[in-house]
Structure formats: structure tokens, C-alpha cells
Amino acid sequence: AGERFAVRNSGVAAVVEGVGDHGCEYMTGGIVVVIGQTGRNFAAGMSGGVAYVLDEVGDFAERCNMAMVELEPVP
């Protein structure tokens, strides 16, 4: 998907292969599953909803905006 995927998502469920910069920006609800790479500034302003990101490389935390979100592993 392109940049700003799922911006202002407020209730939609989406599965995507990868996203560009600013994915899930200002998201307030819904569920997003990313099964590939993300760009920078992921989740900036995200105040609700859930995003599951497959981080096979182990560097997602470097590209995620941690101002309003927490990262947790999925068991």
C-alpha cells in the first residue's frame, strides 16, 4: 500500500502486505494487520484501534512513532 495507509481509520479492519510512511496516522479505531515492512512515522497520533505488524527484520520500533502507542509481542 502507499503512504498514509489507514489514516484516520475509525472502524475498518484491513490486512495489507506493507505500508509506506505515516501508516495508521491519527487512527482512532479498527484493526490493521501489516504483514510486511512499514515506512517511518508509523502510528503518529494513533489514539485507538489495534495494529499488528509482522516484524521479521526486528527494526519496527525504529520506524514507529511511540508518542501515543505501546509495542507488545504477540504470543
PDB file of N, CA and C in Angstrom:
ATOM      1  N   ALA A   1       0.850  -1.188   0.000  1.00  0.00           N
ATOM      2  CA  ALA A   1       0.000   0.000   0.000  1.00  0.00           C
ATOM      3  C   ALA A   1       0.887   1.240   0.000  1.00  0.00           C
ATOM      4  N   GLY A   2       0.309   2.341  -0.290  1.00  0.00           N
ATOM      5  CA  GLY A   2       1.067   3.583  -0.368  1.00  0.00           C
ATOM      6  C   GLY A   2       1.283   4.234   0.982  1.00  0.00           C
ATOM      7  N   GLU A   3       1.738   5.457   0.939  1.00  0.00           N
ATOM      8  CA  GLU A   3       1.940   6.224   2.162  1.00  0.00           C
ATOM      9  C   GLU A   3       0.596   6.589   2.779  1.00  0.00           C
ATOM     10  N   ARG A   4       0.607   6.787   4.090  1.00  0.00           N
ATOM     11  CA  ARG A   4      -0.573   7.188   4.866  1.00  0.00           C
ATOM     12  C   ARG A   4      -1.707   6.162   4.816  1.00  0.00           C
ATOM     13  N   PHE A   5      -1.361   4.893   4.699  1.00  0.00           N
ATOM     14  CA  PHE A   5      -2.378   3.849   4.700  1.00  0.00           C
ATOM     15  C   PHE A   5      -3.119   3.845   6.032  1.00  0.00           C
ATOM     16  N   ALA A   6      -4.430   3.773   5.997  1.00  0.00           N
ATOM     17  CA  ALA A   6      -5.320   3.713   7.161  1.00  0.00           C
ATOM     18  C   ALA A   6      -5.306   5.000   7.992  1.00  0.00           C
ATOM     19  N   VAL A   7      -4.948   6.121   7.388  1.00  0.00           N
ATOM     20  CA  VAL A   7      -5.005   7.397   8.101  1.00  0.00           C
ATOM     21  C   VAL A   7      -6.448   7.667   8.492  1.00  0.00           C
ATOM     22  N   ARG A   8      -6.636   8.062   9.732  1.00  0.00           N
ATOM     23  CA  ARG A   8      -7.957   8.366  10.299  1.00  0.00           C
ATOM     24  C   ARG A   8      -8.914   7.180  10.280  1.00  0.00           C
ATOM     25  N   ASN A   9      -8.380   5.966  10.248  1.00  0.00           N
ATOM     26  CA  ASN A   9      -9.226   4.776  10.327  1.00  0.00           C
ATOM     27  C   ASN A   9     -10.004   4.826  11.630  1.00  0.00           C
ATOM     28  N   SER A  10     -11.314   4.638  11.550  1.00  0.00           N
ATOM     29  CA  SER A  10     -12.124   4.709  12.766  1.00  0.00           C
ATOM     30  C   SER A  10     -12.984   3.473  12.971  1.00  0.00           C
ATOM     31  N   GLY A  11     -12.725   2.398  12.238  1.00  0.00           N
ATOM     32  CA  GLY A  11     -13.508   1.205  12.471  1.00  0.00           C
ATOM     33  C   GLY A  11     -13.350   0.099  11.446  1.00  0.00           C
ATOM     34  N   VAL A  12     -12.560   0.314  10.435  1.00  0.00           N
ATOM     35  CA  VAL A  12     -12.388  -0.675   9.377  1.00  0.00           C
ATOM     36  C   VAL A  12     -11.316  -1.688   9.770  1.00  0.00           C
ATOM     37  N   ALA A  13     -11.501  -2.935   9.361  1.00  0.00           N
ATOM     38  CA  ALA A  13     -10.471  -3.960   9.513  1.00  0.00           C
ATOM     39  C   ALA A  13      -9.774  -4.111   8.165  1.00  0.00           C
ATOM     40  N   ALA A  14      -8.442  -4.085   8.168  1.00  0.00           N
ATOM     41  CA  ALA A  14      -7.690  -4.169   6.915  1.00  0.00           C
ATOM     42  C   ALA A  14      -6.447  -5.029   7.098  1.00  0.00           C
ATOM     43  N   VAL A  15      -6.123  -5.789   6.070  1.00  0.00           N
ATOM     44  CA  VAL A  15      -4.883  -6.559   6.019  1.00  0.00           C
ATOM     45  C   VAL A  15      -4.120  -6.061   4.799  1.00  0.00           C
ATOM     46  N   VAL A  16      -2.842  -5.753   4.999  1.00  0.00           N
ATOM     47  CA  VAL A  16      -2.048  -5.168   3.918  1.00  0.00           C
ATOM     48  C   VAL A  16      -0.659  -5.803   3.911  1.00  0.00           C
ATOM     49  N   GLU A  17      -0.067  -5.873   2.725  1.00  0.00           N
ATOM     50  CA  GLU A  17       1.236  -6.511   2.567  1.00  0.00           C
ATOM     51  C   GLU A  17       2.386  -5.650   3.074  1.00  0.00           C
ATOM     52  N   GLY A  18       2.241  -4.351   3.066  1.00  0.00           N
ATOM     53  CA  GLY A  18       3.250  -3.421   3.550  1.00  0.00           C
ATOM     54  C   GLY A  18       2.727  -2.010   3.376  1.00  0.00           C
ATOM     55  N   VAL A  19       3.282  -1.058   4.101  1.00  0.00           N
ATOM     56  CA  VAL A  19       2.816   0.328   4.009  1.00  0.00           C
ATOM     57  C   VAL A  19       4.002   1.274   3.906  1.00  0.00           C
ATOM     58  N   GLY A  20       3.749   2.457   3.347  1.00  0.00           N
ATOM     59  CA  GLY A  20       4.772   3.489   3.263  1.00  0.00           C
ATOM     60  C   GLY A  20       4.825   4.306   4.546  1.00  0.00           C
ATOM     61  N   ASP A  21       5.339   5.508   4.456  1.00  0.00           N
ATOM     62  CA  ASP A  21       5.464   6.386   5.619  1.00  0.00           C
ATOM     63  C   ASP A  21       4.096   6.778   6.167  1.00  0.00           C
ATOM     64  N   HIS A  22       4.034   7.021   7.456  1.00  0.00           N
ATOM     65  CA  HIS A  22       2.861   7.547   8.165  1.00  0.00           C
ATOM     66  C   HIS A  22       1.670   6.588   8.199  1.00  0.00           C
ATOM     67  N   GLY A  23       1.891   5.299   8.158  1.00  0.00           N
ATOM     68  CA  GLY A  23       0.799   4.333   8.239  1.00  0.00           C
ATOM     69  C   GLY A  23       0.064   4.452   9.570  1.00  0.00           C
ATOM     70  N   CYS A  24      -1.241   4.302   9.550  1.00  0.00           N
ATOM     71  CA  CYS A  24      -2.116   4.352  10.735  1.00  0.00           C
ATOM     72  C   CYS A  24      -2.057   5.696  11.457  1.00  0.00           C
ATOM     73  N   GLU A  25      -1.691   6.734  10.759  1.00  0.00           N
ATOM     74  CA  GLU A  25      -1.612   8.070  11.351  1.00  0.00           C
ATOM     75  C   GLU A  25      -3.010   8.527  11.776  1.00  0.00           C
ATOM     76  N   TYR A  26      -3.139   9.037  12.975  1.00  0.00           N
ATOM     77  CA  TYR A  26      -4.399   9.547  13.541  1.00  0.00           C
ATOM     78  C   TYR A  26      -5.509   8.495  13.584  1.00  0.00           C
ATOM     79  N   MET A  27      -5.164   7.236  13.615  1.00  0.00           N
ATOM     80  CA  MET A  27      -6.160   6.162  13.683  1.00  0.00           C
ATOM     81  C   MET A  27      -6.853   6.200  15.040  1.00  0.00           C
ATOM     82  N   THR A  28      -8.181   6.055  15.051  1.00  0.00           N
ATOM     83  CA  THR A  28      -8.948   6.094  16.300  1.00  0.00           C
ATOM     84  C   THR A  28      -9.702   4.803  16.579  1.00  0.00           C
ATOM     85  N   GLY A  29      -9.737   3.886  15.639  1.00  0.00           N
ATOM     86  CA  GLY A  29     -10.441   2.622  15.834  1.00  0.00           C
ATOM     87  C   GLY A  29     -10.117   1.665  14.709  1.00  0.00           C
ATOM     88  N   GLY A  30     -10.639   0.455  14.818  1.00  0.00           N
ATOM     89  CA  GLY A  30     -10.416  -0.541  13.784  1.00  0.00           C
ATOM     90  C   GLY A  30      -9.188  -1.385  14.052  1.00  0.00           C
ATOM     91  N   ILE A  31      -8.914  -2.259  13.101  1.00  0.00           N
ATOM     92  CA  ILE A  31      -7.788  -3.184  13.205  1.00  0.00           C
ATOM     93  C   ILE A  31      -7.030  -3.169  11.882  1.00  0.00           C
ATOM     94  N   VAL A  32      -5.714  -3.046  11.965  1.00  0.00           N
ATOM     95  CA  VAL A  32      -4.867  -3.109  10.776  1.00  0.00           C
ATOM     96  C   VAL A  32      -3.820  -4.193  11.002  1.00  0.00           C
ATOM     97  N   VAL A  33      -3.655  -5.061  10.023  1.00  0.00           N
ATOM     98  CA  VAL A  33      -2.629  -6.099  10.065  1.00  0.00           C
ATOM     99  C   VAL A  33      -1.658  -5.832   8.921  1.00  0.00           C
ATOM    100  N   VAL A  34      -0.390  -5.634   9.259  1.00  0.00           N
ATOM    101  CA  VAL A  34       0.644  -5.378   8.254  1.00  0.00           C
ATOM    102  C   VAL A  34       1.564  -6.592   8.226  1.00  0.00           C
ATOM    103  N   ILE A  35       1.607  -7.286   7.093  1.00  0.00           N
ATOM    104  CA  ILE A  35       2.422  -8.498   7.003  1.00  0.00           C
ATOM    105  C   ILE A  35       3.689  -8.259   6.180  1.00  0.00           C
ATOM    106  N   GLY A  36       4.160  -7.020   6.209  1.00  0.00           N
ATOM    107  CA  GLY A  36       5.388  -6.657   5.512  1.00  0.00           C
ATOM    108  C   GLY A  36       6.015  -5.447   6.181  1.00  0.00           C
ATOM    109  N   GLN A  37       6.889  -4.782   5.479  1.00  0.00           N
ATOM    110  CA  GLN A  37       7.602  -3.625   6.020  1.00  0.00           C
ATOM    111  C   GLN A  37       6.691  -2.407   6.165  1.00  0.00           C
ATOM    112  N   THR A  38       7.088  -1.503   7.044  1.00  0.00           N
ATOM    113  CA  THR A  38       6.416  -0.212   7.184  1.00  0.00           C
ATOM    114  C   THR A  38       7.427   0.889   6.911  1.00  0.00           C
ATOM    115  N   GLY A  39       6.908   2.052   6.547  1.00  0.00           N
ATOM    116  CA  GLY A  39       7.759   3.221   6.408  1.00  0.00           C
ATOM    117  C   GLY A  39       7.983   3.865   7.770  1.00  0.00           C
ATOM    118  N   ARG A  40       8.511   5.074   7.755  1.00  0.00           N
ATOM    119  CA  ARG A  40       8.793   5.783   9.008  1.00  0.00           C
ATOM    120  C   ARG A  40       7.520   6.424   9.558  1.00  0.00           C
ATOM    121  N   ASN A  41       7.546   6.788  10.821  1.00  0.00           N
ATOM    122  CA  ASN A  41       6.476   7.529  11.494  1.00  0.00           C
ATOM    123  C   ASN A  41       5.162   6.753  11.576  1.00  0.00           C
ATOM    124  N   PHE A  42       5.232   5.449  11.682  1.00  0.00           N
ATOM    125  CA  PHE A  42       4.036   4.616  11.801  1.00  0.00           C
ATOM    126  C   PHE A  42       3.328   4.941  13.115  1.00  0.00           C
ATOM    127  N   ALA A  43       2.015   5.047  13.083  1.00  0.00           N
ATOM    128  CA  ALA A  43       1.158   5.254  14.262  1.00  0.00           C
ATOM    129  C   ALA A  43       1.245   6.654  14.871  1.00  0.00           C
ATOM    130  N   ALA A  44       1.734   7.634  14.145  1.00  0.00           N
ATOM    131  CA  ALA A  44       1.785   9.003  14.673  1.00  0.00           C
ATOM    132  C   ALA A  44       0.370   9.484  14.970  1.00  0.00           C
ATOM    133  N   GLY A  45       0.113   9.902  16.178  1.00  0.00           N
ATOM    134  CA  GLY A  45      -1.200  10.403  16.562  1.00  0.00           C
ATOM    135  C   GLY A  45      -2.254   9.328  16.714  1.00  0.00           C
ATOM    136  N   MET A  46      -1.872   8.068  16.712  1.00  0.00           N
ATOM    137  CA  MET A  46      -2.831   6.965  16.835  1.00  0.00           C
ATOM    138  C   MET A  46      -3.357   6.914  18.263  1.00  0.00           C
ATOM    139  N   SER A  47      -4.672   7.087  18.419  1.00  0.00           N
ATOM    140  CA  SER A  47      -5.258   7.124  19.763  1.00  0.00           C
ATOM    141  C   SER A  47      -6.221   5.980  20.031  1.00  0.00           C
ATOM    142  N   GLY A  48      -6.434   5.106  19.069  1.00  0.00           N
ATOM    143  CA  GLY A  48      -7.329   3.973  19.264  1.00  0.00           C
ATOM    144  C   GLY A  48      -7.116   2.933  18.195  1.00  0.00           C
ATOM    145  N   GLY A  49      -7.795   1.815  18.359  1.00  0.00           N
ATOM    146  CA  GLY A  49      -7.639   0.714  17.422  1.00  0.00           C
ATOM    147  C   GLY A  49      -6.418  -0.117  17.754  1.00  0.00           C
ATOM    148  N   VAL A  50      -6.178  -1.123  16.921  1.00  0.00           N
ATOM    149  CA  VAL A  50      -5.054  -2.033  17.129  1.00  0.00           C
ATOM    150  C   VAL A  50      -4.363  -2.262  15.790  1.00  0.00           C
ATOM    151  N   ALA A  51      -3.046  -2.249  15.816  1.00  0.00           N
ATOM    152  CA  ALA A  51      -2.266  -2.580  14.624  1.00  0.00           C
ATOM    153  C   ALA A  51      -1.342  -3.747  14.962  1.00  0.00           C
ATOM    154  N   TYR A  52      -1.394  -4.774  14.154  1.00  0.00           N
ATOM    155  CA  TYR A  52      -0.491  -5.910  14.271  1.00  0.00           C
ATOM    156  C   TYR A  52       0.502  -5.806  13.124  1.00  0.00           C
ATOM    157  N   VAL A  53       1.794  -5.787  13.461  1.00  0.00           N
ATOM    158  CA  VAL A  53       2.828  -5.624  12.435  1.00  0.00           C
ATOM    159  C   VAL A  53       3.802  -6.788  12.529  1.00  0.00           C
ATOM    160  N   LEU A  54       3.948  -7.529  11.446  1.00  0.00           N
ATOM    161  CA  LEU A  54       4.925  -8.607  11.381  1.00  0.00           C
ATOM    162  C   LEU A  54       6.302  -7.979  11.193  1.00  0.00           C
ATOM    163  N   ASP A  55       7.163  -8.165  12.176  1.00  0.00           N
ATOM    164  CA  ASP A  55       8.480  -7.516  12.167  1.00  0.00           C
ATOM    165  C   ASP A  55       9.571  -8.571  12.029  1.00  0.00           C
ATOM    166  N   GLU A  56       9.705  -9.135  10.849  1.00  0.00           N
ATOM    167  CA  GLU A  56      10.685 -10.196  10.634  1.00  0.00           C
ATOM    168  C   GLU A  56      12.123  -9.701  10.722  1.00  0.00           C
ATOM    169  N   VAL A  57      12.360  -8.447  10.403  1.00  0.00           N
ATOM    170  CA  VAL A  57      13.714  -7.886  10.434  1.00  0.00           C
ATOM    171  C   VAL A  57      14.102  -7.459  11.848  1.00  0.00           C
ATOM    172  N   GLY A  58      13.122  -7.066  12.655  1.00  0.00           N
ATOM    173  CA  GLY A  58      13.393  -6.661  14.029  1.00  0.00           C
ATOM    174  C   GLY A  58      13.683  -5.184  14.203  1.00  0.00           C
ATOM    175  N   ASP A  59      13.288  -4.351  13.237  1.00  0.00           N
ATOM    176  CA  ASP A  59      13.586  -2.921  13.351  1.00  0.00           C
ATOM    177  C   ASP A  59      12.337  -2.031  13.336  1.00  0.00           C
ATOM    178  N   PHE A  60      11.169  -2.616  13.546  1.00  0.00           N
ATOM    179  CA  PHE A  60       9.938  -1.828  13.503  1.00  0.00           C
ATOM    180  C   PHE A  60       9.924  -0.714  14.546  1.00  0.00           C
ATOM    181  N   ALA A  61      10.434  -0.964  15.731  1.00  0.00           N
ATOM    182  CA  ALA A  61      10.425   0.050  16.797  1.00  0.00           C
ATOM    183  C   ALA A  61      11.133   1.332  16.366  1.00  0.00           C
ATOM    184  N   GLU A  62      12.105   1.225  15.485  1.00  0.00           N
ATOM    185  CA  GLU A  62      12.827   2.404  14.990  1.00  0.00           C
ATOM    186  C   GLU A  62      11.973   3.255  14.053  1.00  0.00           C
ATOM    187  N   ARG A  63      10.979   2.647  13.413  1.00  0.00           N
ATOM    188  CA  ARG A  63      10.133   3.370  12.463  1.00  0.00           C
ATOM    189  C   ARG A  63       8.776   3.744  13.042  1.00  0.00           C
ATOM    190  N   CYS A  64       8.488   3.313  14.260  1.00  0.00           N
ATOM    191  CA  CYS A  64       7.197   3.578  14.898  1.00  0.00           C
ATOM    192  C   CYS A  64       7.275   4.842  15.749  1.00  0.00           C
ATOM    193  N   ASN A  65       6.280   5.696  15.639  1.00  0.00           N
ATOM    194  CA  ASN A  65       6.192   6.897  16.471  1.00  0.00           C
ATOM    195  C   ASN A  65       5.596   6.474  17.812  1.00  0.00           C
ATOM    196  N   MET A  66       6.388   6.467  18.846  1.00  0.00           N
ATOM    197  CA  MET A  66       5.997   5.918  20.143  1.00  0.00           C
ATOM    198  C   MET A  66       5.308   6.927  21.057  1.00  0.00           C
ATOM    199  N   ALA A  67       4.958   8.097  20.561  1.00  0.00           N
ATOM    200  CA  ALA A  67       4.373   9.140  21.402  1.00  0.00           C
ATOM    201  C   ALA A  67       3.055   8.722  22.042  1.00  0.00           C
ATOM    202  N   MET A  68       2.232   7.937  21.330  1.00  0.00           N
ATOM    203  CA  MET A  68       0.905   7.593  21.845  1.00  0.00           C
ATOM    204  C   MET A  68       0.611   6.097  21.833  1.00  0.00           C
ATOM    205  N   VAL A  69       1.587   5.261  21.500  1.00  0.00           N
ATOM    206  CA  VAL A  69       1.347   3.819  21.405  1.00  0.00           C
ATOM    207  C   VAL A  69       2.379   3.032  22.196  1.00  0.00           C
ATOM    208  N   GLU A  70       2.048   1.782  22.458  1.00  0.00           N
ATOM    209  CA  GLU A  70       2.959   0.838  23.091  1.00  0.00           C
ATOM    210  C   GLU A  70       3.146  -0.338  22.151  1.00  0.00           C
ATOM    211  N   LEU A  71       4.308  -0.957  22.205  1.00  0.00           N
ATOM    212  CA  LEU A  71       4.563  -2.157  21.413  1.00  0.00           C
ATOM    213  C   LEU A  71       4.567  -3.363  22.330  1.00  0.00           C
ATOM    214  N   GLU A  72       3.877  -4.417  21.910  1.00  0.00           N
ATOM    215  CA  GLU A  72       3.841  -5.663  22.663  1.00  0.00           C
ATOM    216  C   GLU A  72       4.009  -6.818  21.693  1.00  0.00           C
ATOM    217  N   PRO A  73       4.731  -7.860  22.099  1.00  0.00           N
ATOM    218  CA  PRO A  73       4.826  -9.036  21.227  1.00  0.00           C
ATOM    219  C   PRO A  73       3.517  -9.823  21.266  1.00  0.00           C
ATOM    220  N   VAL A  74       3.216 -10.494  20.179  1.00  0.00           N
ATOM    221  CA  VAL A  74       2.049 -11.378  20.137  1.00  0.00           C
ATOM    222  C   VAL A  74       2.543 -12.779  20.461  1.00  0.00           C
ATOM    223  N   PRO A  75       1.964 -13.412  21.482  1.00  0.00           N
ATOM    224  CA  PRO A  75       2.443 -14.756  21.869  1.00  0.00           C
ATOM    225  C   PRO A  75       2.160 -15.800  20.806  1.00  0.00           C
TER     226      PRO A  75
END
